[in-house]
Amino acid sequence: MGASIDLKTFRKSLVGYGLGFGGILLFLVLFVYPNQQTLDAYQQQIDKLAYQLKAQEILYPLYQQLSEELDRLQEMGSTPLPLFTELDCQTQQIFSAIQQIGQSNGFSVLRLYSDAGQNPETAEAIHLNIIMTGEYLNFPEFYSMFIQIPCITEIDRIQIEESEASVKRFSIDFRITRS
């Protein structure tokens, strides 16, 4: 009697609900989802920049200390350490010198290698990489000795990674040139 629903009215309301739901779904797909993807991409960029900023905040005191040391050495008319006066820039001699510097500063050299495809004994300029572990506080002294090796012409990258509690893993990419 009064509670029965007409089939035609039921279809109209079903179509109305379907169109309403479809419209909402279309709105979500066209406007909300692409904006959410953009926001996610921005958040990833923000996270990456925050990580880089944190790394710069940590490394800035070391950079400042090394810059002051470099200025001081330049004012003194820095000369190579006696350890390196007889070095003729042969790869094995450079490796030995780096091992010696590392050991004298409490570092353990894990790996010291050159780029694949280069013959380290005949190439004029060689790209080398050193991976070592040691105390962060010993790094400035190691670095000040390392940069005095006469053949090292360019340091491309220094990376410091967490390893254990106070021990850090250091990676240095550098180039040597034979004169």
N, C-alpha and C. Protein backbone atom coordinates (compact mmCIF):
# COMPACT_ATOMS: atom_id res chain seq x y z
N MET A 1 0.80 -1.16 0.00
CA MET A 1 0.00 0.00 0.00
C MET A 1 0.86 1.24 0.00
N GLY A 2 1.11 1.87 1.12
CA GLY A 2 1.87 3.10 1.09
C GLY A 2 3.38 2.86 1.07
N ALA A 3 3.81 1.67 1.44
CA ALA A 3 5.23 1.39 1.56
C ALA A 3 5.83 0.81 0.29
N SER A 4 5.07 0.52 -0.68
CA SER A 4 5.64 -0.07 -1.89
C SER A 4 6.28 1.02 -2.73
N ILE A 5 7.38 0.65 -3.36
CA ILE A 5 8.12 1.60 -4.20
C ILE A 5 7.91 1.20 -5.64
N ASP A 6 7.66 2.19 -6.40
CA ASP A 6 7.44 2.00 -7.83
C ASP A 6 8.77 1.63 -8.48
N LEU A 7 8.77 0.69 -9.41
CA LEU A 7 9.98 0.23 -10.10
C LEU A 7 10.63 1.38 -10.86
N LYS A 8 9.86 2.25 -11.42
CA LYS A 8 10.38 3.39 -12.17
C LYS A 8 11.10 4.37 -11.23
N THR A 9 10.55 4.61 -10.10
CA THR A 9 11.16 5.49 -9.11
C THR A 9 12.44 4.87 -8.57
N PHE A 10 12.39 3.55 -8.36
CA PHE A 10 13.58 2.84 -7.88
C PHE A 10 14.72 2.96 -8.87
N ARG A 11 14.45 2.78 -10.16
CA ARG A 11 15.47 2.90 -11.20
C ARG A 11 16.03 4.32 -11.24
N LYS A 12 15.16 5.32 -11.14
CA LYS A 12 15.61 6.71 -11.16
C LYS A 12 16.53 7.00 -9.98
N SER A 13 16.14 6.53 -8.81
CA SER A 13 16.98 6.79 -7.64
C SER A 13 18.30 6.01 -7.73
N LEU A 14 18.23 4.79 -8.27
CA LEU A 14 19.44 4.00 -8.46
C LEU A 14 20.37 4.68 -9.46
N VAL A 15 19.82 5.19 -10.55
CA VAL A 15 20.62 5.91 -11.54
C VAL A 15 21.18 7.18 -10.91
N GLY A 16 20.38 7.87 -10.12
CA GLY A 16 20.84 9.09 -9.45
C GLY A 16 21.99 8.81 -8.49
N TYR A 17 21.85 7.75 -7.70
CA TYR A 17 22.93 7.37 -6.80
C TYR A 17 24.17 6.95 -7.59
N GLY A 18 23.98 6.22 -8.66
CA GLY A 18 25.10 5.79 -9.50
C GLY A 18 25.83 6.98 -10.11
N LEU A 19 25.05 7.96 -10.61
CA LEU A 19 25.67 9.15 -11.19
C LEU A 19 26.40 9.96 -10.11
N GLY A 20 25.80 10.06 -8.95
CA GLY A 20 26.44 10.79 -7.85
C GLY A 20 27.75 10.12 -7.43
N PHE A 21 27.71 8.80 -7.26
CA PHE A 21 28.90 8.04 -6.89
C PHE A 21 29.95 8.13 -8.00
N GLY A 22 29.52 8.02 -9.25
CA GLY A 22 30.43 8.14 -10.39
C GLY A 22 31.06 9.52 -10.45
N GLY A 23 30.28 10.56 -10.17
CA GLY A 23 30.81 11.92 -10.16
C GLY A 23 31.86 12.10 -9.08
N ILE A 24 31.58 11.56 -7.90
CA ILE A 24 32.56 11.64 -6.81
C ILE A 24 33.83 10.88 -7.18
N LEU A 25 33.68 9.70 -7.73
CA LEU A 25 34.82 8.89 -8.15
C LEU A 25 35.62 9.61 -9.23
N LEU A 26 34.93 10.21 -10.19
CA LEU A 26 35.59 10.95 -11.26
C LEU A 26 36.36 12.14 -10.69
N PHE A 27 35.76 12.85 -9.74
CA PHE A 27 36.43 13.97 -9.09
C PHE A 27 37.71 13.50 -8.40
N LEU A 28 37.62 12.39 -7.66
CA LEU A 28 38.79 11.85 -6.97
C LEU A 28 39.90 11.48 -7.95
N VAL A 29 39.52 10.82 -9.03
CA VAL A 29 40.52 10.36 -10.02
C VAL A 29 41.15 11.53 -10.76
N LEU A 30 40.36 12.53 -11.11
CA LEU A 30 40.87 13.64 -11.92
C LEU A 30 41.59 14.72 -11.10
N PHE A 31 41.18 14.95 -9.86
CA PHE A 31 41.72 16.07 -9.12
C PHE A 31 42.52 15.67 -7.88
N VAL A 32 42.01 14.77 -7.08
CA VAL A 32 42.66 14.46 -5.82
C VAL A 32 43.87 13.55 -6.02
N TYR A 33 43.74 12.47 -6.77
CA TYR A 33 44.83 11.51 -6.94
C TYR A 33 46.09 12.14 -7.56
N PRO A 34 45.99 12.90 -8.66
CA PRO A 34 47.21 13.52 -9.20
C PRO A 34 47.86 14.50 -8.22
N ASN A 35 47.05 15.23 -7.49
CA ASN A 35 47.60 16.16 -6.51
C ASN A 35 48.29 15.41 -5.37
N GLN A 36 47.75 14.27 -4.98
CA GLN A 36 48.37 13.47 -3.93
C GLN A 36 49.72 12.94 -4.40
N GLN A 37 49.80 12.51 -5.66
CA GLN A 37 51.08 12.05 -6.20
C GLN A 37 52.10 13.18 -6.22
N THR A 38 51.66 14.36 -6.60
CA THR A 38 52.55 15.52 -6.61
C THR A 38 53.02 15.84 -5.20
N LEU A 39 52.10 15.80 -4.24
CA LEU A 39 52.47 16.05 -2.85
C LEU A 39 53.47 15.00 -2.34
N ASP A 40 53.28 13.76 -2.71
CA ASP A 40 54.22 12.70 -2.32
C ASP A 40 55.60 12.95 -2.91
N ALA A 41 55.65 13.36 -4.17
CA ALA A 41 56.94 13.66 -4.82
C ALA A 41 57.61 14.84 -4.12
N TYR A 42 56.84 15.87 -3.79
CA TYR A 42 57.40 17.01 -3.06
C TYR A 42 57.91 16.59 -1.69
N GLN A 43 57.18 15.72 -1.02
CA GLN A 43 57.61 15.26 0.30
C GLN A 43 58.91 14.48 0.20
N GLN A 44 59.07 13.68 -0.83
CA GLN A 44 60.33 12.95 -1.03
C GLN A 44 61.47 13.92 -1.26
N GLN A 45 61.24 14.96 -2.05
CA GLN A 45 62.27 15.97 -2.29
C GLN A 45 62.62 16.70 -0.99
N ILE A 46 61.62 17.02 -0.20
CA ILE A 46 61.85 17.70 1.07
C ILE A 46 62.67 16.81 2.00
N ASP A 47 62.33 15.53 2.06
CA ASP A 47 63.07 14.59 2.90
C ASP A 47 64.52 14.48 2.45
N LYS A 48 64.73 14.43 1.14
CA LYS A 48 66.10 14.33 0.59
C LYS A 48 66.90 15.59 0.92
N LEU A 49 66.29 16.75 0.75
CA LEU A 49 66.97 18.00 1.06
C LEU A 49 67.24 18.14 2.56
N ALA A 50 66.32 17.67 3.39
CA ALA A 50 66.52 17.71 4.84
C ALA A 50 67.71 16.83 5.22
N TYR A 51 67.83 15.66 4.58
CA TYR A 51 68.96 14.78 4.85
C TYR A 51 70.27 15.44 4.42
N GLN A 52 70.28 16.06 3.24
CA GLN A 52 71.49 16.74 2.77
C GLN A 52 71.85 17.90 3.69
N LEU A 53 70.85 18.63 4.16
CA LEU A 53 71.10 19.74 5.06
C LEU A 53 71.69 19.25 6.37
N LYS A 54 71.17 18.15 6.88
CA LYS A 54 71.70 17.58 8.13
C LYS A 54 73.15 17.15 7.94
N ALA A 55 73.44 16.54 6.80
CA ALA A 55 74.82 16.13 6.51
C ALA A 55 75.74 17.34 6.43
N GLN A 56 75.27 18.42 5.82
CA GLN A 56 76.08 19.62 5.72
C GLN A 56 76.31 20.25 7.10
N GLU A 57 75.30 20.21 7.94
CA GLU A 57 75.45 20.74 9.29
C GLU A 57 76.50 19.95 10.07
N ILE A 58 76.53 18.67 9.86
CA ILE A 58 77.50 17.82 10.56
C ILE A 58 78.90 18.04 10.01
N LEU A 59 79.03 18.15 8.70
CA LEU A 59 80.35 18.25 8.08
C LEU A 59 80.92 19.67 8.04
N TYR A 60 80.09 20.69 8.27
CA TYR A 60 80.58 22.05 8.18
C TYR A 60 81.73 22.34 9.15
N PRO A 61 81.65 21.92 10.43
CA PRO A 61 82.80 22.18 11.32
C PRO A 61 84.09 21.54 10.80
N LEU A 62 84.00 20.34 10.23
CA LEU A 62 85.17 19.69 9.67
C LEU A 62 85.70 20.49 8.48
N TYR A 63 84.79 20.95 7.63
CA TYR A 63 85.19 21.76 6.48
C TYR A 63 85.88 23.05 6.95
N GLN A 64 85.31 23.68 7.96
CA GLN A 64 85.88 24.92 8.48
C GLN A 64 87.27 24.67 9.05
N GLN A 65 87.43 23.60 9.79
CA GLN A 65 88.73 23.26 10.37
C GLN A 65 89.75 22.98 9.28
N LEU A 66 89.36 22.22 8.25
CA LEU A 66 90.29 21.90 7.17
C LEU A 66 90.63 23.14 6.35
N SER A 67 89.68 24.04 6.17
CA SER A 67 89.96 25.29 5.47
C SER A 67 90.96 26.14 6.23
N GLU A 68 90.80 26.22 7.55
CA GLU A 68 91.75 26.96 8.37
C GLU A 68 93.13 26.32 8.31
N GLU A 69 93.16 25.00 8.33
CA GLU A 69 94.44 24.27 8.24
C GLU A 69 95.10 24.54 6.89
N LEU A 70 94.31 24.55 5.83
CA LEU A 70 94.85 24.83 4.49
C LEU A 70 95.39 26.25 4.43
N ASP A 71 94.66 27.21 4.96
CA ASP A 71 95.14 28.59 4.99
C ASP A 71 96.44 28.71 5.77
N ARG A 72 96.50 28.04 6.90
CA ARG A 72 97.71 28.06 7.73
C ARG A 72 98.89 27.46 6.97
N LEU A 73 98.66 26.34 6.29
CA LEU A 73 99.74 25.69 5.53
C LEU A 73 100.19 26.55 4.35
N GLN A 74 99.24 27.22 3.71
CA GLN A 74 99.61 28.09 2.59
C GLN A 74 100.41 29.29 3.07
N GLU A 75 100.08 29.82 4.23
CA GLU A 75 100.84 30.93 4.78
C GLU A 75 102.26 30.51 5.13
N MET A 76 102.42 29.27 5.58
CA MET A 76 103.75 28.78 5.96
C MET A 76 104.57 28.37 4.74
N GLY A 77 103.98 28.38 3.56
CA GLY A 77 104.70 27.89 2.38
C GLY A 77 104.87 26.39 2.48
N SER A 78 103.79 25.72 2.64
CA SER A 78 103.75 24.28 2.88
C SER A 78 104.63 23.51 1.91
N THR A 79 105.35 22.57 2.45
CA THR A 79 106.16 21.66 1.65
C THR A 79 105.70 20.25 1.97
N PRO A 80 105.94 19.32 1.07
CA PRO A 80 105.53 17.94 1.35
C PRO A 80 106.19 17.40 2.61
N LEU A 81 105.51 16.54 3.28
CA LEU A 81 106.09 15.91 4.45
C LEU A 81 107.31 15.09 4.05
N PRO A 82 108.27 14.92 4.95
CA PRO A 82 109.45 14.13 4.60
C PRO A 82 109.10 12.73 4.11
N LEU A 83 107.99 12.22 4.56
CA LEU A 83 107.54 10.90 4.14
C LEU A 83 107.37 10.81 2.63
N PHE A 84 107.04 11.93 1.98
CA PHE A 84 106.70 11.91 0.57
C PHE A 84 107.74 12.58 -0.33
N THR A 85 108.88 12.94 0.16
CA THR A 85 109.84 13.66 -0.68
C THR A 85 110.39 12.78 -1.80
N GLU A 86 110.49 11.50 -1.58
CA GLU A 86 111.05 10.60 -2.59
C GLU A 86 109.98 9.86 -3.40
N LEU A 87 108.74 10.23 -3.24
CA LEU A 87 107.63 9.56 -3.92
C LEU A 87 107.62 9.94 -5.40
N ASP A 88 107.65 8.94 -6.28
CA ASP A 88 107.65 9.25 -7.72
C ASP A 88 106.29 8.95 -8.37
N CYS A 89 105.24 8.96 -7.58
CA CYS A 89 103.86 8.85 -8.03
C CYS A 89 103.54 7.52 -8.71
N GLN A 90 104.20 6.47 -8.35
CA GLN A 90 103.81 5.15 -8.81
C GLN A 90 102.68 4.67 -7.91
N THR A 91 101.74 3.97 -8.50
CA THR A 91 100.53 3.58 -7.79
C THR A 91 100.84 2.81 -6.50
N GLN A 92 101.74 1.86 -6.57
CA GLN A 92 102.05 1.07 -5.37
C GLN A 92 102.65 1.93 -4.26
N GLN A 93 103.47 2.91 -4.65
CA GLN A 93 104.04 3.80 -3.64
C GLN A 93 102.95 4.68 -3.01
N ILE A 94 102.02 5.12 -3.83
CA ILE A 94 100.91 5.93 -3.29
C ILE A 94 100.06 5.09 -2.35
N PHE A 95 99.76 3.86 -2.75
CA PHE A 95 98.99 2.96 -1.89
C PHE A 95 99.72 2.75 -0.56
N SER A 96 101.02 2.52 -0.62
CA SER A 96 101.80 2.32 0.61
C SER A 96 101.78 3.56 1.49
N ALA A 97 101.92 4.74 0.86
CA ALA A 97 101.90 5.98 1.63
C ALA A 97 100.55 6.17 2.31
N ILE A 98 99.48 5.88 1.60
CA ILE A 98 98.14 6.05 2.19
C ILE A 98 97.95 5.06 3.33
N GLN A 99 98.40 3.84 3.14
CA GLN A 99 98.30 2.83 4.22
C GLN A 99 99.07 3.30 5.45
N GLN A 100 100.26 3.85 5.21
CA GLN A 100 101.10 4.32 6.31
C GLN A 100 100.43 5.48 7.05
N ILE A 101 99.86 6.43 6.30
CA ILE A 101 99.15 7.56 6.92
C ILE A 101 97.95 7.05 7.71
N GLY A 102 97.20 6.11 7.11
CA GLY A 102 96.03 5.56 7.79
C GLY A 102 96.39 4.88 9.09
N GLN A 103 97.41 4.05 9.05
CA GLN A 103 97.82 3.33 10.26
C GLN A 103 98.31 4.29 11.34
N SER A 104 99.04 5.33 10.93
CA SER A 104 99.57 6.27 11.93
C SER A 104 98.45 7.09 12.58
N ASN A 105 97.29 7.15 11.95
CA ASN A 105 96.16 7.89 12.51
C ASN A 105 95.04 6.99 13.02
N GLY A 106 95.31 5.70 13.13
CA GLY A 106 94.33 4.78 13.70
C GLY A 106 93.25 4.34 12.74
N PHE A 107 93.50 4.41 11.43
CA PHE A 107 92.52 3.99 10.45
C PHE A 107 92.88 2.60 9.92
N SER A 108 91.85 1.87 9.59
CA SER A 108 92.02 0.57 8.97
C SER A 108 91.58 0.71 7.51
N VAL A 109 92.53 0.57 6.59
CA VAL A 109 92.21 0.70 5.17
C VAL A 109 91.60 -0.62 4.71
N LEU A 110 90.31 -0.55 4.31
CA LEU A 110 89.60 -1.75 3.87
C LEU A 110 89.85 -2.04 2.40
N ARG A 111 89.87 -0.97 1.60
CA ARG A 111 90.00 -1.16 0.15
C ARG A 111 90.62 0.09 -0.46
N LEU A 112 91.53 -0.12 -1.39
CA LEU A 112 92.18 0.96 -2.10
C LEU A 112 92.30 0.49 -3.54
N TYR A 113 91.62 1.15 -4.46
CA TYR A 113 91.57 0.65 -5.82
C TYR A 113 91.46 1.78 -6.83
N SER A 114 91.75 1.44 -8.10
CA SER A 114 91.62 2.42 -9.19
C SER A 114 90.43 2.02 -10.06
N ASP A 115 90.02 2.95 -10.92
CA ASP A 115 88.92 2.69 -11.84
C ASP A 115 89.22 1.50 -12.73
N ALA A 116 88.19 0.72 -13.02
CA ALA A 116 88.36 -0.38 -13.95
C ALA A 116 88.62 0.19 -15.34
N GLY A 117 89.40 -0.48 -16.11
CA GLY A 117 89.68 -0.04 -17.47
C GLY A 117 90.91 0.85 -17.57
N GLN A 118 91.45 1.26 -16.45
CA GLN A 118 92.68 2.05 -16.46
C GLN A 118 93.84 1.17 -16.06
N ASN A 119 94.94 1.38 -16.74
CA ASN A 119 96.16 0.71 -16.30
C ASN A 119 96.86 1.68 -15.36
N PRO A 120 96.86 1.42 -14.06
CA PRO A 120 97.37 2.39 -13.11
C PRO A 120 98.86 2.68 -13.26
N GLU A 121 99.59 1.79 -13.90
CA GLU A 121 101.02 2.01 -14.04
C GLU A 121 101.39 2.84 -15.26
N THR A 122 100.48 2.96 -16.24
CA THR A 122 100.82 3.70 -17.46
C THR A 122 99.97 4.94 -17.67
N ALA A 123 98.83 5.06 -17.05
CA ALA A 123 97.95 6.21 -17.28
C ALA A 123 98.58 7.47 -16.69
N GLU A 124 98.36 8.59 -17.36
CA GLU A 124 98.90 9.87 -16.89
C GLU A 124 98.11 10.38 -15.68
N ALA A 125 96.79 10.27 -15.73
CA ALA A 125 95.93 10.67 -14.61
C ALA A 125 95.08 9.46 -14.22
N ILE A 126 94.99 9.20 -12.95
CA ILE A 126 94.28 8.01 -12.46
C ILE A 126 93.27 8.43 -11.41
N HIS A 127 92.07 7.87 -11.50
CA HIS A 127 91.04 8.09 -10.49
C HIS A 127 91.13 6.93 -9.51
N LEU A 128 91.30 7.24 -8.22
CA LEU A 128 91.44 6.23 -7.18
C LEU A 128 90.36 6.40 -6.13
N ASN A 129 90.12 5.33 -5.37
CA ASN A 129 89.15 5.36 -4.29
C ASN A 129 89.73 4.61 -3.11
N ILE A 130 89.53 5.19 -1.94
CA ILE A 130 89.98 4.53 -0.71
C ILE A 130 88.76 4.38 0.20
N ILE A 131 88.62 3.21 0.81
CA ILE A 131 87.57 2.96 1.79
C ILE A 131 88.26 2.50 3.06
N MET A 132 87.94 3.16 4.17
CA MET A 132 88.61 2.84 5.42
C MET A 132 87.66 3.09 6.59
N THR A 133 88.01 2.57 7.75
CA THR A 133 87.24 2.81 8.96
C THR A 133 88.15 3.40 10.01
N GLY A 134 87.56 4.19 10.88
CA GLY A 134 88.33 4.80 11.95
C GLY A 134 87.50 5.78 12.74
N GLU A 135 88.14 6.43 13.67
CA GLU A 135 87.48 7.41 14.52
C GLU A 135 87.31 8.72 13.76
N TYR A 136 86.14 9.31 13.90
CA TYR A 136 85.84 10.58 13.23
C TYR A 136 86.83 11.67 13.65
N LEU A 137 87.18 11.70 14.92
CA LEU A 137 88.07 12.75 15.43
C LEU A 137 89.48 12.65 14.87
N ASN A 138 89.87 11.49 14.37
CA ASN A 138 91.21 11.32 13.78
C ASN A 138 91.25 11.73 12.31
N PHE A 139 90.10 11.94 11.71
CA PHE A 139 90.06 12.22 10.28
C PHE A 139 90.77 13.51 9.88
N PRO A 140 90.61 14.62 10.60
CA PRO A 140 91.31 15.85 10.18
C PRO A 140 92.83 15.67 10.09
N GLU A 141 93.41 14.96 11.04
CA GLU A 141 94.85 14.74 11.01
C GLU A 141 95.23 13.85 9.82
N PHE A 142 94.44 12.79 9.59
CA PHE A 142 94.68 11.94 8.42
C PHE A 142 94.59 12.78 7.15
N TYR A 143 93.55 13.57 7.05
CA TYR A 143 93.32 14.35 5.83
C TYR A 143 94.43 15.37 5.59
N SER A 144 94.89 16.02 6.66
CA SER A 144 95.96 17.01 6.48
C SER A 144 97.24 16.35 5.98
N MET A 145 97.49 15.11 6.36
CA MET A 145 98.66 14.38 5.83
C MET A 145 98.38 13.87 4.42
N PHE A 146 97.17 13.41 4.20
CA PHE A 146 96.78 12.84 2.90
C PHE A 146 96.92 13.87 1.78
N ILE A 147 96.48 15.10 2.02
CA ILE A 147 96.52 16.12 0.96
C ILE A 147 97.94 16.58 0.66
N GLN A 148 98.89 16.17 1.46
CA GLN A 148 100.27 16.56 1.19
C GLN A 148 101.00 15.57 0.29
N ILE A 149 100.33 14.50 -0.10
CA ILE A 149 100.95 13.59 -1.07
C ILE A 149 101.05 14.38 -2.37
N PRO A 150 102.23 14.55 -2.93
CA PRO A 150 102.44 15.47 -4.05
C PRO A 150 101.65 15.16 -5.32
N CYS A 151 101.35 13.91 -5.59
CA CYS A 151 100.69 13.55 -6.85
C CYS A 151 99.18 13.76 -6.82
N ILE A 152 98.59 13.90 -5.65
CA ILE A 152 97.13 14.05 -5.56
C ILE A 152 96.78 15.45 -6.06
N THR A 153 96.04 15.48 -7.16
CA THR A 153 95.72 16.76 -7.78
C THR A 153 94.28 17.18 -7.55
N GLU A 154 93.41 16.23 -7.22
CA GLU A 154 92.00 16.57 -7.08
C GLU A 154 91.33 15.56 -6.17
N ILE A 155 90.50 16.07 -5.26
CA ILE A 155 89.69 15.20 -4.41
C ILE A 155 88.25 15.41 -4.85
N ASP A 156 87.66 14.35 -5.40
CA ASP A 156 86.31 14.45 -5.97
C ASP A 156 85.22 14.37 -4.92
N ARG A 157 85.41 13.48 -3.94
CA ARG A 157 84.31 13.24 -2.99
C ARG A 157 84.86 12.64 -1.71
N ILE A 158 84.31 13.09 -0.60
CA ILE A 158 84.59 12.48 0.71
C ILE A 158 83.23 12.10 1.28
N GLN A 159 83.09 10.84 1.65
CA GLN A 159 81.82 10.37 2.20
C GLN A 159 82.09 9.72 3.55
N ILE A 160 81.30 10.11 4.54
CA ILE A 160 81.43 9.55 5.88
C ILE A 160 80.11 8.89 6.23
N GLU A 161 80.18 7.60 6.60
CA GLU A 161 78.98 6.84 6.90
C GLU A 161 79.06 6.28 8.32
N GLU A 162 77.89 6.12 8.94
CA GLU A 162 77.82 5.46 10.24
C GLU A 162 78.20 4.00 10.05
N SER A 163 78.98 3.47 10.95
CA SER A 163 79.33 2.07 10.89
C SER A 163 78.99 1.42 12.22
N GLU A 164 79.74 1.73 13.24
CA GLU A 164 79.45 1.26 14.58
C GLU A 164 79.32 2.49 15.47
N ALA A 165 79.34 2.32 16.77
CA ALA A 165 79.09 3.42 17.70
C ALA A 165 79.98 4.63 17.42
N SER A 166 81.28 4.48 17.57
CA SER A 166 82.17 5.62 17.36
C SER A 166 83.01 5.46 16.10
N VAL A 167 82.94 4.30 15.48
CA VAL A 167 83.72 4.04 14.27
C VAL A 167 82.91 4.46 13.05
N LYS A 168 83.55 5.17 12.16
CA LYS A 168 82.90 5.62 10.93
C LYS A 168 83.58 4.97 9.74
N ARG A 169 82.83 4.90 8.65
CA ARG A 169 83.37 4.38 7.39
C ARG A 169 83.59 5.58 6.48
N PHE A 170 84.81 5.73 6.01
CA PHE A 170 85.19 6.86 5.17
C PHE A 170 85.47 6.37 3.75
N SER A 171 85.02 7.14 2.79
CA SER A 171 85.29 6.83 1.39
C SER A 171 85.78 8.12 0.74
N ILE A 172 86.93 8.05 0.07
CA ILE A 172 87.51 9.23 -0.58
C ILE A 172 87.80 8.88 -2.02
N ASP A 173 87.23 9.65 -2.95
CA ASP A 173 87.54 9.52 -4.36
C ASP A 173 88.51 10.64 -4.72
N PHE A 174 89.63 10.30 -5.35
CA PHE A 174 90.60 11.33 -5.67
C PHE A 174 91.34 10.97 -6.96
N ARG A 175 92.06 11.93 -7.48
CA ARG A 175 92.83 11.75 -8.72
C ARG A 175 94.30 12.03 -8.45
N ILE A 176 95.13 11.27 -9.10
CA ILE A 176 96.57 11.56 -9.08
C ILE A 176 97.01 11.83 -10.51
N THR A 177 98.02 12.64 -10.63
CA THR A 177 98.58 12.95 -11.94
C THR A 177 100.08 12.77 -11.85
N ARG A 178 100.60 12.11 -12.82
CA ARG A 178 102.06 11.94 -12.88
C ARG A 178 102.65 13.07 -13.70
N SER A 179 103.70 13.64 -13.18
CA SER A 179 104.32 14.74 -13.94
C SER A 179 105.46 14.26 -14.81
